[in-house]
């Protein structure tokens, strides 16, 4: 063979079995996979710039973080990326490797916008000897170049979903007193701006104006709720609040490394939120 034999029959069959693939593996599948890997390696040896099949860590202007974006194709004018792709299919076409994946959203960037970010192992699929059907795909892994890109002029500075959690806050007029507001955040309600400010402090976060009047964006630590039996709750060493977010009492622990705030309540008295 003209290419390196990255897989043999045993290793390729074991990989697909481990990944829950139902297809059978034969020598012709091994031959095809190794040929694809060899061609993919050659593409990268011949091009120092991003090529189709490479991986991208992509951050949007609005703070959405996509660590597994996929370059579907590129030309001299633009690079086409799928930010949340399924495992790409690949095949040969006139000596080139072509890719096809499903997923969304799709974006384009200028050819020189992506910055080098090392190499990364990535999963691909190709049709095996049984042809195109539900269980006909063969899975394989190979290394590709990794790149990174952050859209310019971020709306929220350093805050992205890579490390932070984003909460949408909807401010609505309260019934009484006049001029009062409530703040809806997911499944719970805050009844004053003071309560909201306290939550922001607990989550070590920051509030930004939203994209319409009455909407705010809170970036902060991730909230988790856990129930404990009374004996365990009573012995838990944590900050205690007589009442918080409709639960009374509640204990709070903060994990700064994991950027998580855990709220503990007693099992006997309260159901699941």
Protein backbone atom coordinates (compact mmCIF):
# COMPACT_ATOMS: atom_id res chain seq x y z
CA UNK A 1 0.00 0.00 0.00
CA UNK A 2 1.06 3.58 -0.62
CA UNK A 3 -0.34 4.79 2.66
CA UNK A 4 0.24 4.05 6.34
CA UNK A 5 -1.91 1.30 7.76
CA UNK A 6 -3.45 3.07 10.74
CA UNK A 7 -6.08 0.41 11.38
CA UNK A 8 -6.20 -3.33 11.01
CA UNK A 9 -9.31 -5.49 10.95
CA UNK A 10 -9.23 -6.14 14.69
CA UNK A 11 -8.70 -2.53 15.80
CA UNK A 12 -11.34 -1.06 13.45
CA UNK A 13 -13.91 -3.70 14.42
CA UNK A 14 -13.19 -3.11 18.12
CA UNK A 15 -13.59 0.66 17.76
CA UNK A 16 -16.95 0.34 16.02
CA UNK A 17 -18.17 -2.24 18.53
CA UNK A 18 -17.13 0.00 21.43
CA UNK A 19 -18.98 2.96 19.89
CA UNK A 20 -22.16 0.89 19.51
CA UNK A 21 -21.97 0.56 15.72
CA UNK A 22 -23.91 -2.38 14.34
CA UNK A 23 -22.09 -2.70 11.02
CA UNK A 24 -19.74 -5.59 10.28
CA UNK A 25 -16.14 -4.76 9.34
CA UNK A 26 -14.23 -6.40 6.51
CA UNK A 27 -10.76 -5.87 5.02
CA UNK A 28 -12.16 -3.64 2.28
CA UNK A 29 -13.48 -1.29 4.98
CA UNK A 30 -10.06 -1.18 6.62
CA UNK A 31 -8.50 -0.44 3.24
CA UNK A 32 -10.92 2.42 2.60
CA UNK A 33 -10.52 3.97 6.05
CA UNK A 34 -6.73 3.89 5.90
CA UNK A 35 -6.79 5.41 2.42
CA UNK A 36 -9.02 8.23 3.67
CA UNK A 37 -6.74 8.90 6.63
CA UNK A 38 -3.70 8.94 4.36
CA UNK A 39 -5.37 11.42 1.99
CA UNK A 40 -6.44 13.62 4.93
CA UNK A 41 -2.88 13.66 6.24
CA UNK A 42 -1.56 14.59 2.80
CA UNK A 43 -4.05 17.46 2.52
CA UNK A 44 -2.63 18.92 5.72
CA UNK A 45 0.98 18.40 4.69
CA UNK A 46 0.31 20.32 1.48
CA UNK A 47 -1.62 23.17 3.17
CA UNK A 48 -0.60 25.13 6.25
CA UNK A 49 -3.94 26.96 6.24
CA UNK A 50 -7.27 25.48 7.45
CA UNK A 51 -8.68 22.70 5.29
CA UNK A 52 -12.02 20.93 5.17
CA UNK A 53 -12.39 18.46 8.01
CA UNK A 54 -10.41 20.51 10.52
CA UNK A 55 -11.82 21.33 13.97
CA UNK A 56 -12.58 24.84 15.27
CA UNK A 57 -13.31 26.31 18.67
CA UNK A 58 -15.76 29.09 17.83
CA UNK A 59 -17.10 31.86 20.09
CA UNK A 60 -19.92 34.09 18.91
CA UNK A 61 -20.33 37.78 19.61
CA UNK A 62 -23.21 36.89 21.95
CA UNK A 63 -21.01 34.61 24.07
CA UNK A 64 -22.00 31.19 22.72
CA UNK A 65 -19.02 28.83 22.91
CA UNK A 66 -18.73 25.95 20.41
CA UNK A 67 -15.66 23.75 21.07
CA UNK A 68 -16.38 21.17 18.33
CA UNK A 69 -17.17 23.20 15.20
CA UNK A 70 -16.40 21.52 11.85
CA UNK A 71 -15.03 22.98 8.62
CA UNK A 72 -17.23 21.55 5.89
CA UNK A 73 -15.53 23.27 2.96
CA UNK A 74 -13.49 26.34 2.10
CA UNK A 75 -12.30 28.29 -0.90
CA UNK A 76 -10.31 31.46 -1.55
CA UNK A 77 -13.19 33.65 -0.39
CA UNK A 78 -14.68 32.00 2.69
CA UNK A 79 -14.68 29.07 5.08
CA UNK A 80 -17.96 27.27 5.82
CA UNK A 81 -18.40 25.92 9.35
CA UNK A 82 -21.06 23.94 11.19
CA UNK A 83 -20.96 24.92 14.86
CA UNK A 84 -22.90 21.92 16.22
CA UNK A 85 -22.19 19.14 13.74
CA UNK A 86 -23.04 15.48 13.75
CA UNK A 87 -20.14 13.12 13.04
CA UNK A 88 -19.11 14.09 9.47
CA UNK A 89 -19.25 11.63 6.60
CA UNK A 90 -16.27 11.70 4.26
CA UNK A 91 -15.58 10.22 0.83
CA UNK A 92 -13.10 10.53 -2.03
CA UNK A 93 -13.91 12.55 -5.13
CA UNK A 94 -11.28 12.86 -7.88
CA UNK A 95 -8.43 12.47 -5.40
CA UNK A 96 -9.91 14.87 -2.86
CA UNK A 97 -11.64 14.23 0.45
CA UNK A 98 -15.13 15.70 0.63
CA UNK A 99 -17.23 16.04 3.78
CA UNK A 100 -20.91 16.08 4.51
CA UNK A 101 -22.48 16.71 7.87
CA UNK A 102 -25.79 17.72 9.37
CA UNK A 103 -26.28 20.16 12.22
CA UNK A 104 -26.62 23.87 12.90
CA UNK A 105 -25.98 26.75 13.05
CA UNK A 106 -23.86 27.35 9.95
CA UNK A 107 -21.52 30.33 9.62
CA UNK A 108 -18.82 31.58 7.27
CA UNK A 109 -15.51 33.28 8.03
CA UNK A 110 -12.78 34.88 5.98
CA UNK A 111 -9.99 32.42 5.01
CA UNK A 112 -7.37 34.05 7.24
CA UNK A 113 -9.59 34.61 10.29
CA UNK A 114 -8.91 31.27 12.02
CA UNK A 115 -5.95 31.09 14.42
CA UNK A 116 -3.88 27.91 15.02
CA UNK A 117 -4.85 25.93 18.13
CA UNK A 118 -2.82 22.71 17.96
CA UNK A 119 -4.08 19.33 16.78
CA UNK A 120 -7.06 17.27 17.88
CA UNK A 121 -8.41 13.75 17.49
CA UNK A 122 -11.68 13.81 15.58
CA UNK A 123 -14.32 11.24 14.63
CA UNK A 124 -15.44 10.63 11.06
CA UNK A 125 -17.72 8.19 9.26
CA UNK A 126 -17.71 6.63 5.83
CA UNK A 127 -19.97 4.10 4.16
CA UNK A 128 -18.82 0.53 4.60
CA UNK A 129 -18.99 -2.47 2.28
CA UNK A 130 -22.73 -3.00 2.97
CA UNK A 131 -23.58 0.36 1.41
CA UNK A 132 -25.77 3.28 2.38
CA UNK A 133 -28.32 2.24 4.99
CA UNK A 134 -29.06 2.74 8.67
CA UNK A 135 -26.22 0.55 9.94
CA UNK A 136 -23.86 0.90 6.98
CA UNK A 137 -21.50 3.56 8.35
CA UNK A 138 -17.97 2.78 9.56
CA UNK A 139 -16.58 5.03 12.30
CA UNK A 140 -12.90 5.95 12.57
CA UNK A 141 -10.71 8.47 14.40
CA UNK A 142 -7.81 10.51 13.08
CA UNK A 143 -5.93 13.69 13.96
CA UNK A 144 -6.71 17.02 12.32
CA UNK A 145 -5.56 20.57 12.87
CA UNK A 146 -7.44 22.64 15.41
CA UNK A 147 -8.23 26.34 15.03
CA UNK A 148 -9.97 29.01 17.08
CA UNK A 149 -12.03 32.06 16.28
CA UNK A 150 -13.93 34.65 18.33
CA UNK A 151 -16.32 37.03 16.62
CA UNK A 152 -15.26 40.67 17.08
CA UNK A 153 -16.89 43.21 19.41
CA UNK A 154 -18.28 40.75 22.00
CA UNK A 155 -21.47 41.94 23.65
CA UNK A 156 -20.58 40.70 27.14
CA UNK A 157 -16.83 41.08 27.38
CA UNK A 158 -15.15 38.02 28.91
CA UNK A 159 -18.42 36.23 29.63
CA UNK A 160 -19.05 33.20 27.41
CA UNK A 161 -20.72 29.81 27.87
CA UNK A 162 -17.29 28.16 28.02
CA UNK A 163 -17.09 28.87 31.76
CA UNK A 164 -20.17 30.90 32.64
CA UNK A 165 -23.91 30.27 32.67
CA UNK A 166 -26.30 32.69 30.98
CA UNK A 167 -29.72 33.45 32.47
CA UNK A 168 -32.46 35.45 30.77
CA UNK A 169 -34.32 37.75 33.17
CA UNK A 170 -37.73 39.09 32.21
CA UNK A 171 -38.85 42.14 34.20
CA UNK A 172 -42.64 42.53 34.47
CA UNK A 173 -44.84 45.06 36.28
CA UNK A 174 -46.11 43.73 39.62
CA UNK A 175 -49.76 43.98 40.69
CA UNK A 176 -48.90 46.08 43.73
CA UNK A 177 -47.52 48.40 44.89
CA UNK A 178 -47.55 50.83 42.00
CA UNK A 179 -44.24 51.01 40.15
CA UNK A 180 -43.04 47.63 41.46
CA UNK A 181 -41.64 44.87 39.27
CA UNK A 182 -41.08 41.13 39.44
CA UNK A 183 -38.15 39.35 37.79
CA UNK A 184 -38.76 35.99 36.13
CA UNK A 185 -35.71 33.73 35.72
CA UNK A 186 -36.58 30.32 34.32
CA UNK A 187 -38.79 28.52 36.87
CA UNK A 188 -38.57 31.02 39.71
CA UNK A 189 -39.52 34.62 40.45
CA UNK A 190 -37.74 37.42 42.31
CA UNK A 191 -39.98 40.07 43.83
CA UNK A 192 -37.62 43.02 44.06
CA UNK A 193 -34.49 44.45 42.52
CA UNK A 194 -32.79 43.84 45.88
CA UNK A 195 -33.45 40.09 45.55
CA UNK A 196 -32.04 40.15 42.04
CA UNK A 197 -28.92 41.99 43.16
CA UNK A 198 -28.47 39.43 45.95
CA UNK A 199 -28.69 36.57 43.44
CA UNK A 200 -26.13 38.27 41.19
CA UNK A 201 -23.81 38.55 44.19
CA UNK A 202 -24.26 34.87 45.12
CA UNK A 203 -23.59 33.77 41.53
CA UNK A 204 -20.53 36.05 41.30
CA UNK A 205 -21.99 37.41 38.10
CA UNK A 206 -22.93 40.53 36.20
CA UNK A 207 -26.15 41.81 34.65
CA UNK A 208 -26.33 43.30 31.15
CA UNK A 209 -29.19 44.98 29.30
CA UNK A 210 -30.95 42.62 26.92
CA UNK A 211 -31.98 43.07 23.32
CA UNK A 212 -35.40 44.53 24.21
CA UNK A 213 -36.81 46.70 27.03
CA UNK A 214 -37.47 44.71 30.19
CA UNK A 215 -35.02 41.92 29.35
CA UNK A 216 -31.73 41.46 31.18
CA UNK A 217 -28.88 38.99 30.70
CA UNK A 218 -27.30 37.60 33.84
CA UNK A 219 -23.94 35.85 33.51
CA UNK A 220 -22.87 33.93 36.59
CA UNK A 221 -22.00 30.60 38.18
CA UNK A 222 -24.20 27.61 37.37
CA UNK A 223 -27.01 26.96 39.87
CA UNK A 224 -27.68 23.45 41.15
CA UNK A 225 -30.40 22.32 43.58
CA UNK A 226 -30.01 19.25 45.81
CA UNK A 227 -32.20 17.67 48.44
CA UNK A 228 -30.79 16.26 51.68
CA UNK A 229 -32.42 14.41 54.57
CA UNK A 230 -32.80 16.59 57.66
CA UNK A 231 -29.92 14.96 59.59
CA UNK A 232 -27.49 15.51 56.72
CA UNK A 233 -28.76 19.03 56.00
CA UNK A 234 -28.33 19.99 59.68
CA UNK A 235 -24.68 18.87 59.74
CA UNK A 236 -23.78 20.44 56.39
CA UNK A 237 -21.24 23.25 56.78
CA UNK A 238 -22.52 25.94 54.42
CA UNK A 239 -23.94 29.44 54.31
CA UNK A 240 -27.51 29.34 55.64
CA UNK A 241 -30.45 31.47 54.51
CA UNK A 242 -33.81 31.48 56.30
CA UNK A 243 -35.50 32.00 52.94
CA UNK A 244 -34.21 32.09 49.38
CA UNK A 245 -36.00 31.76 46.03
CA UNK A 246 -39.14 30.50 47.73
CA UNK A 247 -37.34 27.80 49.73
CA UNK A 248 -37.06 28.08 53.53
CA UNK A 249 -34.50 27.38 54.86
CA UNK A 250 -31.69 26.77 52.36
CA UNK A 251 -27.94 26.24 52.58
CA UNK A 252 -25.56 27.45 49.89
CA UNK A 253 -22.12 26.21 48.86
CA UNK A 254 -19.92 27.80 46.21
CA UNK A 255 -17.37 25.97 44.07
CA UNK A 256 -15.17 28.65 42.52
CA UNK A 257 -13.12 26.18 40.46
CA UNK A 258 -16.20 24.62 38.90
CA UNK A 259 -18.04 27.97 38.93
CA UNK A 260 -21.06 26.31 40.51
CA UNK A 261 -23.38 27.38 43.34
CA UNK A 262 -25.29 24.52 44.99
CA UNK A 263 -28.49 25.17 46.96
CA UNK A 264 -29.42 22.50 49.53
CA UNK A 265 -32.93 21.99 50.92
CA UNK A 266 -34.51 19.44 53.26
CA UNK A 267 -36.15 16.43 51.61
CA UNK A 268 -38.91 16.01 54.18
CA UNK A 269 -40.37 19.45 53.83
CA UNK A 270 -40.03 20.39 50.17
CA UNK A 271 -40.53 18.71 46.84
CA UNK A 272 -38.39 19.10 43.77
CA UNK A 273 -38.33 22.54 42.17
